[in-house]
Amino acid sequence: MGGSQERSRFAAISAAEISVARMVEAVADDRCGAVVTFDGVVRDHDGGRGVERLEYSGHPTAQQILAEVAREITVRYPDTLVAVAHRVGPLAIGDSALTCAVAAPHRKQAFVACDELVDTVKQRVPIWKHQIFEDGQSEWVGALG
């Protein structure tokens, strides 16, 4: 299917809306029999507290590291195609924060690669979440690790 550079079809940090449909379009390929997606959306609660909204901030290297992670997944899982995007800026309840799609000839490889992609993005890409709760309090998540 080509080198890891061309199999990593899309990797973006974006202040604009992102969608699973865009990720699926990016990995569409007649050689693949499976496309697995992930859509991480902003939920209305965390730890028993009501969440009003989130604000994501990214380090200037976030785009580069996200692209590296996408390429690494294609190296670890040959014949996969990867697309991934993460939002920054203010997000409302229900907005997509992290979306991705992994295409592969067979479903098991696509599922495993997508799971690892999401975990690796959350571990390595320097993006921090500021949660604003309904009671007016707020907290940063991922900023101290």
N, C-alpha and C. Protein backbone atom coordinates (compact mmCIF):
# COMPACT_ATOMS: atom_id res chain seq x y z
N MET A 1 0.81 -1.21 0.00
CA MET A 1 0.00 0.00 0.00
C MET A 1 0.84 1.25 0.00
N GLY A 2 2.13 1.11 -0.09
CA GLY A 2 2.99 2.28 -0.10
C GLY A 2 3.69 2.46 1.23
N GLY A 3 4.53 3.50 1.29
CA GLY A 3 5.28 3.79 2.49
C GLY A 3 4.42 4.39 3.58
N SER A 4 4.98 4.45 4.79
CA SER A 4 4.21 4.96 5.93
C SER A 4 3.78 6.41 5.73
N GLN A 5 4.58 7.18 5.00
CA GLN A 5 4.24 8.59 4.75
C GLN A 5 2.92 8.70 3.98
N GLU A 6 2.76 7.89 2.94
CA GLU A 6 1.52 7.99 2.15
C GLU A 6 0.37 7.21 2.77
N ARG A 7 0.65 6.31 3.71
CA ARG A 7 -0.43 5.59 4.39
C ARG A 7 -0.98 6.40 5.56
N SER A 8 -0.23 7.39 6.02
CA SER A 8 -0.74 8.34 7.00
C SER A 8 -1.40 9.44 6.17
N ARG A 9 -2.70 9.30 5.96
CA ARG A 9 -3.41 10.12 4.98
C ARG A 9 -3.76 11.52 5.48
N PHE A 10 -3.93 11.68 6.79
CA PHE A 10 -4.39 12.96 7.31
C PHE A 10 -4.08 13.02 8.80
N ALA A 11 -3.48 14.11 9.26
CA ALA A 11 -3.24 14.34 10.68
C ALA A 11 -3.29 15.84 10.90
N ALA A 12 -4.24 16.30 11.72
CA ALA A 12 -4.42 17.74 11.88
C ALA A 12 -4.85 18.12 13.29
N ILE A 13 -4.31 19.24 13.74
CA ILE A 13 -4.79 19.93 14.93
C ILE A 13 -5.62 21.08 14.37
N SER A 14 -6.86 21.23 14.82
CA SER A 14 -7.75 22.18 14.18
C SER A 14 -8.62 22.94 15.17
N ALA A 15 -8.77 24.23 14.94
CA ALA A 15 -9.73 25.02 15.70
C ALA A 15 -11.12 24.90 15.08
N ALA A 16 -11.16 24.43 13.83
CA ALA A 16 -12.44 24.25 13.14
C ALA A 16 -13.03 22.88 13.47
N GLU A 17 -14.31 22.73 13.18
CA GLU A 17 -15.00 21.47 13.41
C GLU A 17 -14.30 20.32 12.70
N ILE A 18 -14.30 19.15 13.33
CA ILE A 18 -13.74 17.94 12.73
C ILE A 18 -14.84 16.89 12.68
N SER A 19 -14.70 15.92 11.78
CA SER A 19 -15.75 14.91 11.68
C SER A 19 -15.18 13.54 11.32
N VAL A 20 -15.86 12.52 11.79
CA VAL A 20 -15.50 11.15 11.45
C VAL A 20 -15.65 10.95 9.94
N ALA A 21 -16.67 11.55 9.35
CA ALA A 21 -16.88 11.39 7.90
C ALA A 21 -15.66 11.84 7.12
N ARG A 22 -15.05 12.94 7.53
CA ARG A 22 -13.83 13.43 6.86
C ARG A 22 -12.69 12.43 7.01
N MET A 23 -12.57 11.80 8.17
CA MET A 23 -11.52 10.81 8.39
C MET A 23 -11.76 9.57 7.52
N VAL A 24 -13.01 9.14 7.43
CA VAL A 24 -13.35 7.98 6.60
C VAL A 24 -13.03 8.26 5.14
N GLU A 25 -13.36 9.45 4.66
CA GLU A 25 -13.03 9.82 3.28
C GLU A 25 -11.53 9.74 3.04
N ALA A 26 -10.75 10.18 4.01
CA ALA A 26 -9.29 10.22 3.85
C ALA A 26 -8.67 8.83 3.73
N VAL A 27 -9.28 7.82 4.36
CA VAL A 27 -8.69 6.47 4.32
C VAL A 27 -9.39 5.54 3.33
N ALA A 28 -10.35 6.04 2.59
CA ALA A 28 -11.08 5.19 1.64
C ALA A 28 -10.11 4.58 0.63
N ASP A 29 -10.20 3.26 0.47
CA ASP A 29 -9.29 2.55 -0.42
C ASP A 29 -9.92 1.20 -0.76
N ASP A 30 -9.97 0.86 -2.03
CA ASP A 30 -10.59 -0.39 -2.46
C ASP A 30 -9.87 -1.63 -1.96
N ARG A 31 -8.63 -1.49 -1.52
CA ARG A 31 -7.88 -2.64 -0.99
C ARG A 31 -8.24 -2.96 0.45
N CYS A 32 -8.99 -2.08 1.09
CA CYS A 32 -9.32 -2.25 2.51
C CYS A 32 -10.75 -2.75 2.68
N GLY A 33 -10.90 -3.80 3.49
CA GLY A 33 -12.22 -4.36 3.76
C GLY A 33 -12.80 -3.91 5.08
N ALA A 34 -12.05 -3.10 5.83
CA ALA A 34 -12.53 -2.64 7.14
C ALA A 34 -12.09 -1.19 7.37
N VAL A 35 -13.00 -0.41 7.92
CA VAL A 35 -12.68 0.94 8.39
C VAL A 35 -13.24 1.05 9.80
N VAL A 36 -12.35 1.29 10.75
CA VAL A 36 -12.75 1.46 12.15
C VAL A 36 -12.57 2.93 12.50
N THR A 37 -13.57 3.49 13.19
CA THR A 37 -13.53 4.91 13.53
C THR A 37 -13.64 5.11 15.03
N PHE A 38 -13.21 6.30 15.45
CA PHE A 38 -13.39 6.74 16.83
C PHE A 38 -13.81 8.20 16.78
N ASP A 39 -14.80 8.54 17.58
CA ASP A 39 -15.27 9.92 17.70
C ASP A 39 -15.37 10.25 19.18
N GLY A 40 -14.36 10.91 19.70
CA GLY A 40 -14.36 11.32 21.10
C GLY A 40 -15.10 12.63 21.22
N VAL A 41 -16.25 12.61 21.88
CA VAL A 41 -17.10 13.80 21.98
C VAL A 41 -17.10 14.35 23.41
N VAL A 42 -17.37 15.62 23.52
CA VAL A 42 -17.44 16.29 24.83
C VAL A 42 -18.71 15.83 25.53
N ARG A 43 -18.54 15.28 26.73
CA ARG A 43 -19.70 14.82 27.50
C ARG A 43 -20.09 15.87 28.54
N ASP A 44 -21.27 15.70 29.10
CA ASP A 44 -21.82 16.71 30.01
C ASP A 44 -21.46 16.49 31.48
N HIS A 45 -20.57 15.56 31.76
CA HIS A 45 -20.19 15.30 33.15
C HIS A 45 -18.78 14.73 33.22
N ASP A 46 -18.17 14.84 34.39
CA ASP A 46 -16.88 14.21 34.66
C ASP A 46 -16.74 14.07 36.16
N GLY A 47 -16.50 12.87 36.62
CA GLY A 47 -16.32 12.64 38.05
C GLY A 47 -17.52 13.05 38.88
N GLY A 48 -18.72 12.88 38.34
CA GLY A 48 -19.93 13.22 39.07
C GLY A 48 -20.30 14.69 39.06
N ARG A 49 -19.54 15.49 38.32
CA ARG A 49 -19.81 16.93 38.23
C ARG A 49 -20.30 17.28 36.83
N GLY A 50 -21.22 18.22 36.76
CA GLY A 50 -21.73 18.68 35.47
C GLY A 50 -20.70 19.54 34.75
N VAL A 51 -20.48 19.24 33.49
CA VAL A 51 -19.53 20.01 32.67
C VAL A 51 -20.32 20.96 31.77
N GLU A 52 -19.91 22.22 31.75
CA GLU A 52 -20.55 23.22 30.89
C GLU A 52 -19.92 23.25 29.51
N ARG A 53 -18.57 23.22 29.49
CA ARG A 53 -17.84 23.26 28.22
C ARG A 53 -16.38 22.91 28.47
N LEU A 54 -15.63 22.74 27.38
CA LEU A 54 -14.20 22.47 27.45
C LEU A 54 -13.45 23.47 26.58
N GLU A 55 -12.20 23.67 26.92
CA GLU A 55 -11.30 24.44 26.07
C GLU A 55 -10.01 23.65 25.97
N TYR A 56 -9.60 23.34 24.75
CA TYR A 56 -8.35 22.61 24.52
C TYR A 56 -7.27 23.57 24.08
N SER A 57 -6.07 23.39 24.63
CA SER A 57 -4.89 24.16 24.23
C SER A 57 -3.84 23.18 23.75
N GLY A 58 -3.12 23.56 22.71
CA GLY A 58 -2.08 22.70 22.18
C GLY A 58 -0.73 23.39 22.15
N HIS A 59 0.31 22.63 22.43
CA HIS A 59 1.68 23.12 22.31
C HIS A 59 1.98 23.33 20.82
N PRO A 60 2.88 24.24 20.46
CA PRO A 60 3.21 24.44 19.05
C PRO A 60 3.69 23.18 18.32
N THR A 61 4.20 22.20 19.06
CA THR A 61 4.66 20.95 18.43
C THR A 61 3.56 19.91 18.29
N ALA A 62 2.35 20.21 18.72
CA ALA A 62 1.28 19.21 18.71
C ALA A 62 1.01 18.65 17.31
N GLN A 63 0.99 19.51 16.30
CA GLN A 63 0.73 19.05 14.93
C GLN A 63 1.81 18.06 14.48
N GLN A 64 3.06 18.40 14.71
CA GLN A 64 4.17 17.54 14.30
C GLN A 64 4.11 16.19 15.03
N ILE A 65 3.83 16.21 16.31
CA ILE A 65 3.78 14.97 17.08
C ILE A 65 2.58 14.13 16.67
N LEU A 66 1.45 14.75 16.39
CA LEU A 66 0.28 14.00 15.92
C LEU A 66 0.61 13.29 14.60
N ALA A 67 1.27 13.99 13.69
CA ALA A 67 1.66 13.38 12.41
C ALA A 67 2.64 12.22 12.63
N GLU A 68 3.57 12.38 13.57
CA GLU A 68 4.52 11.31 13.88
C GLU A 68 3.79 10.08 14.42
N VAL A 69 2.84 10.30 15.30
CA VAL A 69 2.07 9.19 15.87
C VAL A 69 1.32 8.45 14.76
N ALA A 70 0.69 9.19 13.86
CA ALA A 70 -0.04 8.56 12.76
C ALA A 70 0.90 7.71 11.90
N ARG A 71 2.08 8.24 11.58
CA ARG A 71 3.06 7.47 10.79
C ARG A 71 3.53 6.23 11.54
N GLU A 72 3.76 6.36 12.83
CA GLU A 72 4.21 5.22 13.63
C GLU A 72 3.19 4.09 13.62
N ILE A 73 1.92 4.43 13.67
CA ILE A 73 0.87 3.40 13.61
C ILE A 73 0.94 2.66 12.28
N THR A 74 1.16 3.38 11.19
CA THR A 74 1.23 2.71 9.89
C THR A 74 2.47 1.83 9.78
N VAL A 75 3.52 2.14 10.51
CA VAL A 75 4.72 1.29 10.52
C VAL A 75 4.45 0.03 11.33
N ARG A 76 3.83 0.19 12.50
CA ARG A 76 3.55 -0.97 13.37
C ARG A 76 2.49 -1.88 12.78
N TYR A 77 1.59 -1.31 12.00
CA TYR A 77 0.50 -2.09 11.42
C TYR A 77 0.53 -1.92 9.90
N PRO A 78 1.35 -2.72 9.23
CA PRO A 78 1.45 -2.62 7.77
C PRO A 78 0.08 -2.79 7.11
N ASP A 79 -0.07 -2.16 5.99
CA ASP A 79 -1.31 -2.18 5.20
C ASP A 79 -2.45 -1.40 5.83
N THR A 80 -2.16 -0.59 6.86
CA THR A 80 -3.21 0.27 7.41
C THR A 80 -3.09 1.66 6.80
N LEU A 81 -4.21 2.33 6.75
CA LEU A 81 -4.28 3.74 6.34
C LEU A 81 -4.86 4.49 7.54
N VAL A 82 -4.30 5.65 7.85
CA VAL A 82 -4.66 6.36 9.08
C VAL A 82 -5.02 7.81 8.80
N ALA A 83 -6.07 8.28 9.46
CA ALA A 83 -6.45 9.70 9.46
C ALA A 83 -6.86 10.05 10.88
N VAL A 84 -6.38 11.20 11.37
CA VAL A 84 -6.67 11.59 12.75
C VAL A 84 -6.69 13.12 12.86
N ALA A 85 -7.60 13.63 13.69
CA ALA A 85 -7.68 15.07 13.93
C ALA A 85 -8.06 15.32 15.38
N HIS A 86 -7.50 16.39 15.94
CA HIS A 86 -7.82 16.79 17.32
C HIS A 86 -8.15 18.28 17.31
N ARG A 87 -9.22 18.63 18.00
CA ARG A 87 -9.63 20.03 18.11
C ARG A 87 -8.83 20.77 19.16
N VAL A 88 -8.71 22.06 18.97
CA VAL A 88 -8.24 22.99 20.00
C VAL A 88 -9.24 24.14 20.04
N GLY A 89 -9.20 24.89 21.14
CA GLY A 89 -10.13 25.99 21.30
C GLY A 89 -11.35 25.57 22.10
N PRO A 90 -12.38 26.43 22.14
CA PRO A 90 -13.58 26.12 22.92
C PRO A 90 -14.45 25.08 22.23
N LEU A 91 -14.95 24.13 23.02
CA LEU A 91 -15.85 23.09 22.51
C LEU A 91 -17.08 23.01 23.41
N ALA A 92 -18.22 22.77 22.81
CA ALA A 92 -19.48 22.62 23.54
C ALA A 92 -19.77 21.14 23.76
N ILE A 93 -20.70 20.87 24.64
CA ILE A 93 -21.14 19.49 24.87
C ILE A 93 -21.60 18.91 23.53
N GLY A 94 -21.14 17.71 23.22
CA GLY A 94 -21.51 17.04 21.97
C GLY A 94 -20.55 17.27 20.82
N ASP A 95 -19.65 18.26 20.94
CA ASP A 95 -18.67 18.50 19.88
C ASP A 95 -17.64 17.37 19.84
N SER A 96 -17.14 17.08 18.65
CA SER A 96 -16.06 16.10 18.50
C SER A 96 -14.74 16.75 18.89
N ALA A 97 -13.99 16.07 19.77
CA ALA A 97 -12.69 16.57 20.21
C ALA A 97 -11.55 15.82 19.54
N LEU A 98 -11.73 14.52 19.33
CA LEU A 98 -10.72 13.67 18.70
C LEU A 98 -11.44 12.70 17.78
N THR A 99 -11.09 12.74 16.51
CA THR A 99 -11.69 11.81 15.56
C THR A 99 -10.59 11.10 14.79
N CYS A 100 -10.84 9.85 14.45
CA CYS A 100 -9.87 9.13 13.63
C CYS A 100 -10.55 7.99 12.89
N ALA A 101 -9.86 7.53 11.86
CA ALA A 101 -10.29 6.36 11.10
C ALA A 101 -9.05 5.59 10.71
N VAL A 102 -9.16 4.27 10.80
CA VAL A 102 -8.09 3.38 10.36
C VAL A 102 -8.71 2.37 9.42
N ALA A 103 -8.15 2.28 8.23
CA ALA A 103 -8.59 1.30 7.24
C ALA A 103 -7.53 0.22 7.11
N ALA A 104 -7.98 -1.01 6.91
CA ALA A 104 -7.06 -2.14 6.75
C ALA A 104 -7.77 -3.21 5.93
N PRO A 105 -6.99 -4.14 5.37
CA PRO A 105 -7.62 -5.22 4.62
C PRO A 105 -8.58 -6.05 5.47
N HIS A 106 -8.29 -6.18 6.79
CA HIS A 106 -9.11 -7.02 7.66
C HIS A 106 -9.44 -6.28 8.96
N ARG A 107 -10.57 -6.60 9.55
CA ARG A 107 -11.11 -5.86 10.69
C ARG A 107 -10.24 -5.90 11.94
N LYS A 108 -9.66 -7.05 12.28
CA LYS A 108 -8.90 -7.12 13.54
C LYS A 108 -7.74 -6.14 13.54
N GLN A 109 -7.02 -6.07 12.43
CA GLN A 109 -5.90 -5.14 12.35
C GLN A 109 -6.40 -3.70 12.47
N ALA A 110 -7.53 -3.40 11.84
CA ALA A 110 -8.08 -2.04 11.91
C ALA A 110 -8.50 -1.69 13.33
N PHE A 111 -9.16 -2.61 14.04
CA PHE A 111 -9.57 -2.36 15.41
C PHE A 111 -8.38 -2.13 16.33
N VAL A 112 -7.40 -3.01 16.26
CA VAL A 112 -6.23 -2.90 17.14
C VAL A 112 -5.45 -1.62 16.85
N ALA A 113 -5.25 -1.31 15.58
CA ALA A 113 -4.50 -0.11 15.21
C ALA A 113 -5.24 1.16 15.65
N CYS A 114 -6.56 1.18 15.50
CA CYS A 114 -7.34 2.36 15.91
C CYS A 114 -7.27 2.55 17.42
N ASP A 115 -7.39 1.47 18.16
CA ASP A 115 -7.29 1.54 19.62
C ASP A 115 -5.93 2.08 20.05
N GLU A 116 -4.87 1.57 19.44
CA GLU A 116 -3.53 2.05 19.78
C GLU A 116 -3.33 3.50 19.36
N LEU A 117 -3.90 3.88 18.22
CA LEU A 117 -3.80 5.26 17.77
C LEU A 117 -4.40 6.22 18.80
N VAL A 118 -5.61 5.93 19.26
CA VAL A 118 -6.27 6.80 20.23
C VAL A 118 -5.46 6.88 21.53
N ASP A 119 -5.03 5.73 22.03
CA ASP A 119 -4.24 5.72 23.27
C ASP A 119 -2.95 6.51 23.12
N THR A 120 -2.27 6.34 21.99
CA THR A 120 -0.98 7.02 21.78
C THR A 120 -1.17 8.52 21.63
N VAL A 121 -2.21 8.93 20.93
CA VAL A 121 -2.50 10.37 20.81
C VAL A 121 -2.70 10.97 22.20
N LYS A 122 -3.50 10.31 23.02
CA LYS A 122 -3.78 10.83 24.37
C LYS A 122 -2.53 10.85 25.24
N GLN A 123 -1.61 9.92 25.03
CA GLN A 123 -0.38 9.86 25.84
C GLN A 123 0.68 10.84 25.38
N ARG A 124 0.80 11.06 24.08
CA ARG A 124 1.98 11.77 23.57
C ARG A 124 1.74 13.16 22.99
N VAL A 125 0.57 13.41 22.47
CA VAL A 125 0.35 14.71 21.82
C VAL A 125 0.08 15.77 22.90
N PRO A 126 0.89 16.85 22.90
CA PRO A 126 0.76 17.85 23.96
C PRO A 126 -0.44 18.78 23.77
N ILE A 127 -1.60 18.23 24.17
CA ILE A 127 -2.85 18.99 24.15
C ILE A 127 -3.45 18.87 25.55
N TRP A 128 -3.90 20.01 26.08
CA TRP A 128 -4.41 20.04 27.44
C TRP A 128 -5.87 20.48 27.44
N LYS A 129 -6.63 19.84 28.32
CA LYS A 129 -8.07 20.10 28.40
C LYS A 129 -8.38 20.94 29.64
N HIS A 130 -9.08 22.04 29.43
CA HIS A 130 -9.55 22.89 30.52
C HIS A 130 -11.05 22.67 30.63
N GLN A 131 -11.47 22.02 31.71
CA GLN A 131 -12.90 21.74 31.92
C GLN A 131 -13.52 22.86 32.73
N ILE A 132 -14.63 23.37 32.24
CA ILE A 132 -15.38 24.39 32.97
C ILE A 132 -16.67 23.71 33.43
N PHE A 133 -16.86 23.67 34.74
CA PHE A 133 -18.00 22.97 35.31
C PHE A 133 -19.20 23.90 35.47
N GLU A 134 -20.37 23.29 35.62
CA GLU A 134 -21.61 24.05 35.77
C GLU A 134 -21.61 24.93 37.01
N ASP A 135 -20.84 24.55 38.04
CA ASP A 135 -20.80 25.35 39.27
C ASP A 135 -19.81 26.52 39.19
N GLY A 136 -19.20 26.73 38.01
CA GLY A 136 -18.28 27.84 37.81
C GLY A 136 -16.83 27.50 38.06
N GLN A 137 -16.57 26.37 38.71
CA GLN A 137 -15.18 25.95 38.93
C GLN A 137 -14.62 25.35 37.65
N SER A 138 -13.29 25.21 37.62
CA SER A 138 -12.66 24.62 36.44
C SER A 138 -11.42 23.85 36.87
N GLU A 139 -10.94 23.00 35.96
CA GLU A 139 -9.70 22.27 36.21
C GLU A 139 -9.04 21.95 34.89
N TRP A 140 -7.71 21.85 34.95
CA TRP A 140 -6.92 21.45 33.79
C TRP A 140 -6.68 19.95 33.88
N VAL A 141 -6.81 19.27 32.76
CA VAL A 141 -6.58 17.83 32.69
C VAL A 141 -5.43 17.60 31.73
N GLY A 142 -4.45 16.82 32.16
CA GLY A 142 -3.31 16.51 31.30
C GLY A 142 -2.22 17.55 31.31
N ALA A 143 -2.36 18.59 32.11
CA ALA A 143 -1.38 19.67 32.11
C ALA A 143 -0.20 19.41 33.04
N LEU A 144 -0.34 18.46 33.92
CA LEU A 144 0.72 18.22 34.90
C LEU A 144 1.52 16.97 34.62
N GLY A 145 1.05 16.14 33.68
CA GLY A 145 1.69 14.86 33.41
C GLY A 145 2.84 15.01 32.51
